[in-house]
N, C-alpha and C. Protein backbone atom coordinates (compact mmCIF):
# COMPACT_ATOMS: atom_id res chain seq x y z
N UNK A 1 69.33 148.18 -123.40
CA UNK A 1 69.64 147.20 -122.40
C UNK A 1 68.68 147.34 -121.24
N UNK A 2 68.11 146.26 -120.80
CA UNK A 2 67.21 146.28 -119.66
C UNK A 2 67.89 145.69 -118.43
N UNK A 3 67.59 146.29 -117.29
CA UNK A 3 68.20 145.87 -116.04
C UNK A 3 67.13 145.78 -114.95
N UNK A 4 67.37 144.91 -113.97
CA UNK A 4 66.50 144.83 -112.81
C UNK A 4 66.77 146.03 -111.91
N UNK A 5 65.90 146.25 -110.94
CA UNK A 5 66.10 147.35 -109.99
C UNK A 5 67.40 147.18 -109.22
N UNK A 6 67.72 145.94 -108.84
CA UNK A 6 68.98 145.68 -108.13
C UNK A 6 70.18 146.00 -109.00
N UNK A 7 70.12 145.63 -110.28
CA UNK A 7 71.22 145.93 -111.19
C UNK A 7 71.38 147.43 -111.38
N UNK A 8 70.25 148.15 -111.48
CA UNK A 8 70.32 149.61 -111.63
C UNK A 8 70.94 150.25 -110.39
N UNK A 9 70.60 149.75 -109.20
CA UNK A 9 71.22 150.28 -107.98
C UNK A 9 72.72 150.06 -108.00
N UNK A 10 73.14 148.89 -108.46
CA UNK A 10 74.57 148.56 -108.54
C UNK A 10 75.28 149.47 -109.56
N UNK A 11 74.65 149.72 -110.70
CA UNK A 11 75.22 150.60 -111.72
C UNK A 11 75.38 152.01 -111.15
N UNK A 12 74.35 152.50 -110.48
CA UNK A 12 74.42 153.85 -109.90
C UNK A 12 75.49 153.93 -108.80
N UNK A 13 75.61 152.88 -108.01
CA UNK A 13 76.65 152.84 -106.96
C UNK A 13 78.04 152.87 -107.59
N UNK A 14 78.24 152.12 -108.68
CA UNK A 14 79.52 152.12 -109.38
C UNK A 14 79.84 153.52 -109.92
N UNK A 15 78.82 154.20 -110.47
CA UNK A 15 79.03 155.56 -110.97
C UNK A 15 79.45 156.49 -109.83
N UNK A 16 78.80 156.36 -108.67
CA UNK A 16 79.15 157.19 -107.52
C UNK A 16 80.57 156.91 -107.04
N UNK A 17 80.97 155.64 -107.03
CA UNK A 17 82.29 155.26 -106.52
C UNK A 17 83.41 155.60 -107.49
N UNK A 18 83.21 155.32 -108.77
CA UNK A 18 84.30 155.42 -109.74
C UNK A 18 84.19 156.61 -110.69
N UNK A 19 83.01 157.20 -110.79
CA UNK A 19 82.83 158.35 -111.66
C UNK A 19 82.68 157.99 -113.13
N UNK A 20 82.78 156.71 -113.45
CA UNK A 20 82.59 156.25 -114.82
C UNK A 20 82.32 154.75 -114.84
N UNK A 21 81.63 154.33 -115.88
CA UNK A 21 81.38 152.92 -116.12
C UNK A 21 81.46 152.67 -117.62
N UNK A 22 81.55 151.42 -117.99
CA UNK A 22 81.63 151.04 -119.40
C UNK A 22 80.47 150.13 -119.75
N UNK A 23 79.93 150.32 -120.94
CA UNK A 23 78.86 149.49 -121.47
C UNK A 23 79.21 149.07 -122.89
N UNK A 24 78.67 147.95 -123.29
CA UNK A 24 78.74 147.52 -124.69
C UNK A 24 77.45 148.02 -125.35
N UNK A 25 77.59 148.80 -126.42
CA UNK A 25 76.43 149.38 -127.09
C UNK A 25 75.58 148.29 -127.74
N UNK A 26 74.28 148.44 -127.60
CA UNK A 26 73.31 147.51 -128.20
C UNK A 26 72.44 148.33 -129.14
N UNK A 27 72.33 147.91 -130.38
CA UNK A 27 71.49 148.60 -131.34
C UNK A 27 72.25 149.65 -132.13
N UNK A 28 71.54 150.28 -133.05
CA UNK A 28 72.15 151.26 -133.96
C UNK A 28 71.53 152.65 -133.85
N UNK A 29 70.85 152.94 -132.76
CA UNK A 29 70.15 154.23 -132.66
C UNK A 29 71.10 155.42 -132.67
N UNK A 30 72.35 155.23 -132.29
CA UNK A 30 73.31 156.34 -132.26
C UNK A 30 74.35 156.24 -133.37
N UNK A 31 74.11 155.37 -134.36
CA UNK A 31 75.01 155.24 -135.50
C UNK A 31 74.98 156.55 -136.28
N UNK A 32 76.07 157.08 -136.75
CA UNK A 32 77.42 156.51 -136.82
C UNK A 32 78.31 156.86 -135.63
N UNK A 33 77.84 157.71 -134.70
CA UNK A 33 78.69 158.10 -133.56
C UNK A 33 79.06 156.91 -132.69
N UNK A 34 78.09 156.01 -132.49
CA UNK A 34 78.32 154.80 -131.68
C UNK A 34 77.82 153.62 -132.48
N UNK A 35 78.66 152.63 -132.60
CA UNK A 35 78.31 151.44 -133.38
C UNK A 35 77.89 150.29 -132.46
N UNK A 36 77.05 149.41 -132.96
CA UNK A 36 76.62 148.26 -132.18
C UNK A 36 77.85 147.47 -131.72
N UNK A 37 77.80 147.00 -130.47
CA UNK A 37 78.86 146.22 -129.81
C UNK A 37 80.09 147.04 -129.45
N UNK A 38 80.08 148.35 -129.71
CA UNK A 38 81.20 149.21 -129.33
C UNK A 38 81.21 149.37 -127.82
N UNK A 39 82.38 149.35 -127.22
CA UNK A 39 82.52 149.61 -125.79
C UNK A 39 82.52 151.12 -125.59
N UNK A 40 81.60 151.61 -124.77
CA UNK A 40 81.50 153.05 -124.54
C UNK A 40 81.70 153.36 -123.06
N UNK A 41 82.38 154.47 -122.83
CA UNK A 41 82.61 154.93 -121.46
C UNK A 41 81.53 155.95 -121.13
N UNK A 42 80.91 155.79 -119.98
CA UNK A 42 79.92 156.75 -119.48
C UNK A 42 80.55 157.45 -118.29
N UNK A 43 80.64 158.77 -118.38
CA UNK A 43 81.30 159.57 -117.35
C UNK A 43 80.27 160.39 -116.59
N UNK A 44 80.40 160.39 -115.28
CA UNK A 44 79.52 161.19 -114.42
C UNK A 44 79.77 162.67 -114.72
N UNK A 45 78.69 163.46 -114.70
CA UNK A 45 78.81 164.88 -115.00
C UNK A 45 77.84 165.67 -114.13
N UNK A 46 78.23 166.88 -113.80
CA UNK A 46 77.35 167.81 -113.11
C UNK A 46 76.22 168.17 -114.08
N UNK A 47 74.98 168.05 -113.65
CA UNK A 47 73.83 168.32 -114.53
C UNK A 47 73.90 169.71 -115.16
N UNK A 48 74.44 170.68 -114.44
CA UNK A 48 74.52 172.05 -114.95
C UNK A 48 75.47 172.16 -116.15
N UNK A 49 76.33 171.17 -116.34
CA UNK A 49 77.30 171.21 -117.43
C UNK A 49 76.83 170.47 -118.68
N UNK A 50 75.68 169.81 -118.61
CA UNK A 50 75.16 169.10 -119.78
C UNK A 50 74.65 170.13 -120.78
N UNK A 51 75.03 169.96 -122.04
CA UNK A 51 74.67 170.94 -123.06
C UNK A 51 74.15 170.25 -124.32
N UNK A 52 73.52 171.02 -125.17
CA UNK A 52 73.04 170.53 -126.46
C UNK A 52 74.23 169.95 -127.22
N UNK A 53 74.04 168.76 -127.77
CA UNK A 53 75.10 168.07 -128.51
C UNK A 53 75.75 166.95 -127.72
N UNK A 54 75.66 166.99 -126.38
CA UNK A 54 76.21 165.90 -125.57
C UNK A 54 75.42 164.62 -125.80
N UNK A 55 76.11 163.48 -125.69
CA UNK A 55 75.42 162.19 -125.73
C UNK A 55 75.15 161.81 -124.27
N UNK A 56 73.88 161.87 -123.92
CA UNK A 56 73.44 161.65 -122.55
C UNK A 56 73.05 160.18 -122.36
N UNK A 57 73.43 159.62 -121.23
CA UNK A 57 73.07 158.24 -120.89
C UNK A 57 72.14 158.32 -119.69
N UNK A 58 70.96 157.71 -119.83
CA UNK A 58 69.96 157.83 -118.78
C UNK A 58 69.09 156.58 -118.73
N UNK A 59 68.35 156.47 -117.63
CA UNK A 59 67.48 155.31 -117.40
C UNK A 59 66.05 155.63 -117.80
N UNK A 60 65.43 154.71 -118.51
CA UNK A 60 64.02 154.80 -118.86
C UNK A 60 63.39 153.43 -118.57
N UNK A 61 62.59 153.35 -117.53
CA UNK A 61 61.89 152.11 -117.16
C UNK A 61 62.82 150.90 -117.13
N UNK A 62 63.99 151.03 -116.50
CA UNK A 62 64.90 149.91 -116.35
C UNK A 62 65.81 149.67 -117.53
N UNK A 63 65.68 150.47 -118.57
CA UNK A 63 66.60 150.38 -119.71
C UNK A 63 67.55 151.56 -119.67
N UNK A 64 68.76 151.35 -120.15
CA UNK A 64 69.73 152.43 -120.24
C UNK A 64 69.80 152.86 -121.71
N UNK A 65 69.61 154.15 -121.91
CA UNK A 65 69.51 154.74 -123.24
C UNK A 65 70.62 155.76 -123.42
N UNK A 66 71.17 155.83 -124.63
CA UNK A 66 72.12 156.89 -124.99
C UNK A 66 71.49 157.65 -126.16
N UNK A 67 71.20 158.92 -125.95
CA UNK A 67 70.66 159.79 -126.99
C UNK A 67 71.37 161.14 -126.92
N UNK A 68 71.35 161.85 -128.02
CA UNK A 68 71.97 163.17 -128.07
C UNK A 68 71.01 164.23 -127.53
N UNK A 69 71.52 165.14 -126.72
CA UNK A 69 70.72 166.23 -126.19
C UNK A 69 70.46 167.23 -127.32
N UNK A 70 69.17 167.50 -127.58
CA UNK A 70 68.81 168.46 -128.62
C UNK A 70 68.24 169.75 -128.02
N UNK A 71 67.88 169.70 -126.73
CA UNK A 71 67.35 170.89 -126.07
C UNK A 71 67.41 170.67 -124.56
N UNK A 72 67.59 171.76 -123.84
CA UNK A 72 67.50 171.71 -122.38
C UNK A 72 66.48 172.74 -121.95
N UNK A 73 65.74 172.40 -120.91
CA UNK A 73 64.76 173.32 -120.36
C UNK A 73 64.89 173.29 -118.84
N UNK A 74 64.59 174.41 -118.24
CA UNK A 74 64.65 174.49 -116.78
C UNK A 74 63.24 174.62 -116.23
N UNK A 75 62.90 173.68 -115.38
CA UNK A 75 61.58 173.65 -114.74
C UNK A 75 61.75 173.92 -113.24
N UNK A 76 60.65 173.99 -112.52
CA UNK A 76 60.70 174.23 -111.07
C UNK A 76 61.51 173.16 -110.34
N UNK A 77 61.47 171.93 -110.82
CA UNK A 77 62.15 170.83 -110.15
C UNK A 77 63.58 170.64 -110.66
N UNK A 78 64.01 171.45 -111.62
CA UNK A 78 65.37 171.35 -112.16
C UNK A 78 65.36 171.22 -113.67
N UNK A 79 66.52 170.92 -114.23
CA UNK A 79 66.61 170.85 -115.69
C UNK A 79 65.97 169.57 -116.22
N UNK A 80 65.48 169.65 -117.46
CA UNK A 80 65.11 168.45 -118.19
C UNK A 80 65.84 168.50 -119.52
N UNK A 81 66.10 167.33 -120.07
CA UNK A 81 66.89 167.23 -121.29
C UNK A 81 66.05 166.52 -122.34
N UNK A 82 65.86 167.19 -123.48
CA UNK A 82 65.15 166.59 -124.61
C UNK A 82 66.22 165.93 -125.45
N UNK A 83 66.04 164.63 -125.73
CA UNK A 83 67.07 163.87 -126.42
C UNK A 83 66.49 163.17 -127.64
N UNK A 84 67.38 162.79 -128.54
CA UNK A 84 66.96 162.11 -129.76
C UNK A 84 68.10 161.22 -130.24
N UNK A 85 67.74 160.10 -130.80
CA UNK A 85 68.76 159.23 -131.38
C UNK A 85 69.35 159.89 -132.62
N UNK A 86 70.59 159.57 -132.94
CA UNK A 86 71.25 160.13 -134.13
C UNK A 86 70.75 159.48 -135.42
N UNK A 87 70.34 158.23 -135.34
CA UNK A 87 70.04 157.45 -136.54
C UNK A 87 68.56 157.54 -136.93
N UNK A 88 67.98 158.72 -136.82
CA UNK A 88 66.59 158.94 -137.22
C UNK A 88 66.53 160.19 -138.07
N UNK A 89 66.02 160.07 -139.26
CA UNK A 89 65.96 161.21 -140.17
C UNK A 89 64.67 162.01 -140.01
N UNK A 90 63.70 161.48 -139.28
CA UNK A 90 62.43 162.16 -139.14
C UNK A 90 62.53 163.29 -138.11
N UNK A 91 62.04 164.48 -138.50
CA UNK A 91 62.10 165.61 -137.59
C UNK A 91 61.17 165.40 -136.39
N UNK A 92 59.95 164.99 -136.64
CA UNK A 92 58.99 164.77 -135.55
C UNK A 92 58.88 163.29 -135.27
N UNK A 93 59.97 162.71 -134.88
CA UNK A 93 60.03 161.28 -134.63
C UNK A 93 59.57 160.96 -133.21
N UNK A 94 59.05 159.77 -133.04
CA UNK A 94 58.69 159.31 -131.69
C UNK A 94 59.95 158.91 -130.92
N UNK A 95 61.10 159.10 -131.52
CA UNK A 95 62.36 158.72 -130.89
C UNK A 95 62.88 159.78 -129.93
N UNK A 96 62.15 160.89 -129.76
CA UNK A 96 62.52 161.90 -128.77
C UNK A 96 62.21 161.34 -127.38
N UNK A 97 63.11 161.53 -126.46
CA UNK A 97 62.89 161.12 -125.08
C UNK A 97 63.28 162.27 -124.16
N UNK A 98 62.59 162.38 -123.05
CA UNK A 98 62.90 163.39 -122.05
C UNK A 98 63.61 162.71 -120.88
N UNK A 99 64.74 163.28 -120.49
CA UNK A 99 65.47 162.77 -119.32
C UNK A 99 65.35 163.78 -118.19
N UNK A 100 64.88 163.31 -117.06
CA UNK A 100 64.79 164.14 -115.86
C UNK A 100 66.10 163.96 -115.07
N UNK A 101 66.41 164.88 -114.17
CA UNK A 101 67.68 164.80 -113.43
C UNK A 101 67.93 163.46 -112.77
N UNK A 102 66.89 162.89 -112.17
CA UNK A 102 67.07 161.62 -111.45
C UNK A 102 67.31 160.42 -112.38
N UNK A 103 67.07 160.60 -113.68
CA UNK A 103 67.27 159.52 -114.66
C UNK A 103 68.70 159.47 -115.20
N UNK A 104 69.41 160.58 -115.09
CA UNK A 104 70.71 160.73 -115.75
C UNK A 104 71.80 159.92 -115.05
N UNK A 105 72.55 159.15 -115.86
CA UNK A 105 73.75 158.46 -115.36
C UNK A 105 74.99 159.26 -115.69
N UNK A 106 75.06 159.83 -116.88
CA UNK A 106 76.24 160.59 -117.28
C UNK A 106 76.22 160.85 -118.77
N UNK A 107 77.40 161.17 -119.30
CA UNK A 107 77.53 161.42 -120.73
C UNK A 107 78.62 160.50 -121.31
N UNK A 108 78.56 160.34 -122.63
CA UNK A 108 79.64 159.63 -123.33
C UNK A 108 80.55 160.72 -123.87
N UNK A 109 81.75 160.84 -123.29
CA UNK A 109 82.65 161.94 -123.70
C UNK A 109 83.19 161.75 -125.11
């Protein structure tokens, strides 16, 4: 899903106010855990509590992505999360994405 900068500000404000938001899933990248058109709840989480196996929701160039955390690393500027879609069988797939702290919206519990 792609959003304008104003829409992203509104989404982030809603997360700050309510601690959770709902989205309709688009695509099959997280199948079978999340199905296309499924309503998913995104819950705000302390970055220190994100762990391998969590489904992380984050912003990438105005799009909101849900991928599973496969690794976490700690850098000078804070944690980074290596993520991958569930619906990819390739080990070295280009479907890996890195989420920085400022990109994270929350997790799908």
